[in-house]
C-alpha cells in the first residue's frame, strides 16, 4: 500500500527562489531522515514563498502509512516554524 500526503506550505521569510530552495532542501532532508519517506516538490516551483510537496510512504499496512504521514504533518507544524501549513490531504493510492 502507498500512502500519499499532498501538502501546501508558505515561507514568509523567503526573499528569493534561492532562499526557498535552501530552506526546502533542509526540510526535505530532515523528513526523509526522520521518517523514511520520499518527498518531492510537485507544485509552485517558481513561486518563492509557496510550495506544494508530495510525501510518500510504502508499507503493507494502510493504518501505518496514515500514522507516519500524520506525524510528518505534526512535525512540520511544531518544529519547522519557517514553514506555515496552508493545506494538506492524506490518501491511499495503489
N, C-alpha and C. Protein backbone atom coordinates (compact mmCIF):
# COMPACT_ATOMS: atom_id res chain seq x y z
N UNK A 1 0.83 -1.17 0.00
CA UNK A 1 0.00 0.00 0.00
C UNK A 1 0.89 1.24 0.00
N UNK A 2 0.41 2.25 -0.67
CA UNK A 2 1.15 3.51 -0.77
C UNK A 2 0.31 4.61 -0.12
N UNK A 3 0.92 5.32 0.83
CA UNK A 3 0.27 6.47 1.46
C UNK A 3 0.83 7.74 0.84
N UNK A 4 -0.05 8.66 0.48
CA UNK A 4 0.34 9.91 -0.17
C UNK A 4 -0.16 11.09 0.64
N UNK A 5 0.76 11.97 0.99
CA UNK A 5 0.46 13.24 1.64
C UNK A 5 0.74 14.34 0.63
N UNK A 6 -0.27 15.13 0.33
CA UNK A 6 -0.10 16.32 -0.51
C UNK A 6 -0.22 17.51 0.43
N UNK A 7 0.79 18.36 0.41
CA UNK A 7 0.85 19.43 1.41
C UNK A 7 1.25 20.74 0.74
N UNK A 8 0.60 21.81 1.16
CA UNK A 8 0.90 23.15 0.65
C UNK A 8 1.46 23.98 1.80
N UNK A 9 2.62 24.59 1.56
CA UNK A 9 3.32 25.34 2.60
C UNK A 9 3.65 26.75 2.13
N UNK A 10 3.78 27.65 3.11
CA UNK A 10 4.15 29.04 2.85
C UNK A 10 5.36 29.38 3.72
N UNK A 11 6.34 30.07 3.12
CA UNK A 11 7.51 30.52 3.86
C UNK A 11 7.64 32.03 3.68
N UNK A 12 7.17 32.78 4.68
CA UNK A 12 7.19 34.24 4.58
C UNK A 12 8.58 34.83 4.67
N UNK A 13 9.56 34.07 5.15
CA UNK A 13 10.90 34.61 5.29
C UNK A 13 11.72 34.51 4.01
N UNK A 14 11.25 33.76 3.04
CA UNK A 14 11.96 33.64 1.76
C UNK A 14 11.91 34.96 1.00
N UNK A 15 13.07 35.37 0.49
CA UNK A 15 13.16 36.60 -0.29
C UNK A 15 13.51 36.32 -1.74
N UNK A 16 13.77 35.05 -2.06
CA UNK A 16 14.12 34.68 -3.43
C UNK A 16 13.92 33.18 -3.59
N UNK A 17 13.98 32.71 -4.83
CA UNK A 17 13.90 31.27 -5.07
C UNK A 17 15.08 30.54 -4.43
N UNK A 18 16.22 31.19 -4.38
CA UNK A 18 17.40 30.59 -3.75
C UNK A 18 17.15 30.37 -2.25
N UNK A 19 16.58 31.35 -1.57
CA UNK A 19 16.21 31.20 -0.15
C UNK A 19 15.23 30.05 0.03
N UNK A 20 14.21 30.04 -0.81
CA UNK A 20 13.20 29.00 -0.72
C UNK A 20 13.82 27.62 -0.89
N UNK A 21 14.64 27.44 -1.91
CA UNK A 21 15.25 26.14 -2.18
C UNK A 21 16.13 25.67 -1.03
N UNK A 22 16.89 26.59 -0.44
CA UNK A 22 17.76 26.25 0.69
C UNK A 22 16.93 25.72 1.86
N UNK A 23 15.88 26.46 2.23
CA UNK A 23 15.01 26.04 3.33
C UNK A 23 14.25 24.76 2.99
N UNK A 24 13.81 24.66 1.76
CA UNK A 24 13.06 23.48 1.34
C UNK A 24 13.93 22.23 1.35
N UNK A 25 15.16 22.34 0.89
CA UNK A 25 16.07 21.19 0.91
C UNK A 25 16.35 20.73 2.33
N UNK A 26 16.48 21.67 3.27
CA UNK A 26 16.66 21.30 4.68
C UNK A 26 15.46 20.52 5.19
N UNK A 27 14.27 21.01 4.88
CA UNK A 27 13.04 20.35 5.32
C UNK A 27 12.94 18.94 4.72
N UNK A 28 13.16 18.83 3.43
CA UNK A 28 13.06 17.53 2.75
C UNK A 28 14.07 16.54 3.33
N UNK A 29 15.30 16.97 3.55
CA UNK A 29 16.31 16.08 4.12
C UNK A 29 15.93 15.60 5.50
N UNK A 30 15.42 16.50 6.34
CA UNK A 30 15.03 16.12 7.70
C UNK A 30 13.87 15.13 7.69
N UNK A 31 12.88 15.36 6.85
CA UNK A 31 11.74 14.45 6.79
C UNK A 31 12.17 13.08 6.29
N UNK A 32 13.01 13.06 5.29
CA UNK A 32 13.50 11.78 4.76
C UNK A 32 14.27 11.00 5.83
N UNK A 33 15.18 11.68 6.53
CA UNK A 33 15.98 11.01 7.55
C UNK A 33 15.13 10.53 8.73
N UNK A 34 14.22 11.37 9.19
CA UNK A 34 13.46 11.04 10.40
C UNK A 34 12.35 10.02 10.16
N UNK A 35 11.68 10.09 9.02
CA UNK A 35 10.50 9.25 8.80
C UNK A 35 10.68 8.22 7.69
N UNK A 36 11.77 8.28 6.94
CA UNK A 36 11.99 7.34 5.86
C UNK A 36 11.00 7.49 4.72
N UNK A 37 10.54 8.70 4.48
CA UNK A 37 9.57 8.98 3.42
C UNK A 37 10.29 9.57 2.21
N UNK A 38 9.66 9.47 1.07
CA UNK A 38 10.13 10.14 -0.14
C UNK A 38 9.37 11.46 -0.27
N UNK A 39 10.10 12.52 -0.59
CA UNK A 39 9.49 13.86 -0.67
C UNK A 39 9.93 14.51 -1.98
N UNK A 40 8.96 15.14 -2.66
CA UNK A 40 9.28 15.88 -3.89
C UNK A 40 8.42 17.14 -3.96
N UNK A 41 9.02 18.20 -4.48
CA UNK A 41 8.26 19.41 -4.76
C UNK A 41 7.50 19.19 -6.06
N UNK A 42 6.18 19.28 -6.01
CA UNK A 42 5.36 18.96 -7.18
C UNK A 42 4.56 20.14 -7.71
N UNK A 43 4.63 21.27 -7.03
CA UNK A 43 3.90 22.44 -7.50
C UNK A 43 4.48 23.71 -6.93
N UNK A 44 4.11 24.83 -7.53
CA UNK A 44 4.56 26.17 -7.12
C UNK A 44 6.08 26.25 -7.11
N UNK A 45 6.71 25.62 -8.08
CA UNK A 45 8.17 25.55 -8.10
C UNK A 45 8.83 26.88 -8.40
N UNK A 46 8.16 27.77 -9.08
CA UNK A 46 8.75 29.06 -9.42
C UNK A 46 8.19 30.20 -8.58
N UNK A 47 7.50 29.85 -7.51
CA UNK A 47 6.99 30.84 -6.57
C UNK A 47 7.90 30.84 -5.35
N UNK A 48 8.43 31.98 -4.95
CA UNK A 48 9.48 32.00 -3.94
C UNK A 48 9.00 31.93 -2.50
N UNK A 49 7.70 31.99 -2.24
CA UNK A 49 7.24 31.87 -0.86
C UNK A 49 6.32 30.68 -0.64
N UNK A 50 5.92 29.99 -1.68
CA UNK A 50 4.95 28.91 -1.57
C UNK A 50 5.52 27.65 -2.20
N UNK A 51 5.09 26.50 -1.67
CA UNK A 51 5.47 25.23 -2.28
C UNK A 51 4.37 24.20 -2.09
N UNK A 52 4.34 23.25 -2.97
CA UNK A 52 3.46 22.10 -2.85
C UNK A 52 4.33 20.85 -2.89
N UNK A 53 4.19 20.01 -1.87
CA UNK A 53 5.00 18.80 -1.76
C UNK A 53 4.14 17.56 -1.83
N UNK A 54 4.74 16.48 -2.34
CA UNK A 54 4.16 15.15 -2.24
C UNK A 54 5.10 14.35 -1.35
N UNK A 55 4.52 13.71 -0.33
CA UNK A 55 5.27 12.88 0.60
C UNK A 55 4.68 11.48 0.50
N UNK A 56 5.53 10.48 0.30
CA UNK A 56 5.05 9.12 0.05
C UNK A 56 5.71 8.14 1.02
N UNK A 57 4.91 7.20 1.52
CA UNK A 57 5.41 6.10 2.32
C UNK A 57 4.78 4.81 1.81
N UNK A 58 5.50 3.72 1.93
CA UNK A 58 5.04 2.43 1.43
C UNK A 58 5.15 1.39 2.54
N UNK A 59 4.09 0.63 2.74
CA UNK A 59 4.12 -0.50 3.67
C UNK A 59 2.96 -1.42 3.32
N UNK A 60 2.87 -2.52 4.04
CA UNK A 60 1.76 -3.45 3.82
C UNK A 60 0.57 -3.12 4.71
N UNK A 61 0.61 -1.97 5.40
CA UNK A 61 -0.43 -1.60 6.35
C UNK A 61 -0.85 -0.15 6.12
N UNK A 62 -2.07 0.05 5.67
CA UNK A 62 -2.58 1.39 5.39
C UNK A 62 -2.64 2.27 6.62
N UNK A 63 -2.98 1.69 7.77
CA UNK A 63 -3.03 2.48 9.01
C UNK A 63 -1.65 2.98 9.39
N UNK A 64 -0.65 2.14 9.19
CA UNK A 64 0.73 2.56 9.47
C UNK A 64 1.11 3.75 8.59
N UNK A 65 0.78 3.66 7.31
CA UNK A 65 1.08 4.77 6.39
C UNK A 65 0.42 6.06 6.87
N UNK A 66 -0.85 5.98 7.25
CA UNK A 66 -1.57 7.17 7.73
C UNK A 66 -0.91 7.76 8.97
N UNK A 67 -0.50 6.89 9.91
CA UNK A 67 0.15 7.37 11.13
C UNK A 67 1.46 8.08 10.80
N UNK A 68 2.26 7.51 9.93
CA UNK A 68 3.53 8.13 9.55
C UNK A 68 3.28 9.50 8.92
N UNK A 69 2.33 9.57 8.01
CA UNK A 69 2.07 10.84 7.32
C UNK A 69 1.48 11.89 8.25
N UNK A 70 0.65 11.48 9.21
CA UNK A 70 0.14 12.42 10.22
C UNK A 70 1.28 12.94 11.08
N UNK A 71 2.24 12.08 11.40
CA UNK A 71 3.40 12.51 12.17
C UNK A 71 4.23 13.52 11.38
N UNK A 72 4.34 13.32 10.07
CA UNK A 72 5.05 14.29 9.22
C UNK A 72 4.36 15.65 9.30
N UNK A 73 3.04 15.67 9.17
CA UNK A 73 2.28 16.93 9.25
C UNK A 73 2.51 17.59 10.61
N UNK A 74 2.41 16.82 11.68
CA UNK A 74 2.60 17.39 13.02
C UNK A 74 4.01 17.92 13.21
N UNK A 75 5.00 17.24 12.65
CA UNK A 75 6.38 17.69 12.78
C UNK A 75 6.57 19.02 12.06
N UNK A 76 5.99 19.17 10.88
CA UNK A 76 6.11 20.43 10.15
C UNK A 76 5.45 21.55 10.94
N UNK A 77 4.28 21.27 11.52
CA UNK A 77 3.56 22.29 12.30
C UNK A 77 4.34 22.73 13.53
N UNK A 78 5.00 21.80 14.20
CA UNK A 78 5.60 22.12 15.50
C UNK A 78 7.08 22.44 15.46
N UNK A 79 7.82 21.91 14.50
CA UNK A 79 9.28 22.10 14.53
C UNK A 79 9.84 22.90 13.37
N UNK A 80 9.14 23.01 12.31
CA UNK A 80 9.64 23.73 11.14
C UNK A 80 8.86 25.03 11.00
N UNK A 81 9.12 25.91 11.93
CA UNK A 81 8.32 27.13 12.06
C UNK A 81 8.51 28.10 10.90
N UNK A 82 9.56 27.92 10.11
CA UNK A 82 9.73 28.77 8.92
C UNK A 82 8.62 28.50 7.91
N UNK A 83 8.06 27.28 7.98
CA UNK A 83 7.02 26.89 7.02
C UNK A 83 5.66 26.90 7.68
N UNK A 84 4.73 27.63 7.10
CA UNK A 84 3.35 27.67 7.58
C UNK A 84 2.52 26.69 6.76
N UNK A 85 1.82 25.80 7.44
CA UNK A 85 0.98 24.82 6.77
C UNK A 85 -0.30 25.49 6.28
N UNK A 86 -0.53 25.46 4.97
CA UNK A 86 -1.73 26.06 4.40
C UNK A 86 -2.83 25.03 4.21
N UNK A 87 -2.47 23.85 3.71
CA UNK A 87 -3.47 22.82 3.44
C UNK A 87 -2.75 21.48 3.25
N UNK A 88 -3.47 20.40 3.52
CA UNK A 88 -2.91 19.07 3.26
C UNK A 88 -4.02 18.04 3.10
N UNK A 89 -3.67 16.93 2.45
CA UNK A 89 -4.58 15.80 2.36
C UNK A 89 -3.75 14.52 2.38
N UNK A 90 -4.33 13.49 3.00
CA UNK A 90 -3.69 12.18 3.07
C UNK A 90 -4.65 11.18 2.44
N UNK A 91 -4.08 10.32 1.58
CA UNK A 91 -4.90 9.28 0.98
C UNK A 91 -4.04 8.08 0.62
N UNK A 92 -4.69 6.98 0.39
CA UNK A 92 -4.02 5.77 -0.06
C UNK A 92 -4.12 5.68 -1.57
N UNK A 93 -3.03 5.28 -2.19
CA UNK A 93 -3.03 5.01 -3.63
C UNK A 93 -2.38 3.66 -3.86
N UNK A 94 -2.73 3.02 -4.93
CA UNK A 94 -2.18 1.69 -5.22
C UNK A 94 -1.37 1.72 -6.47
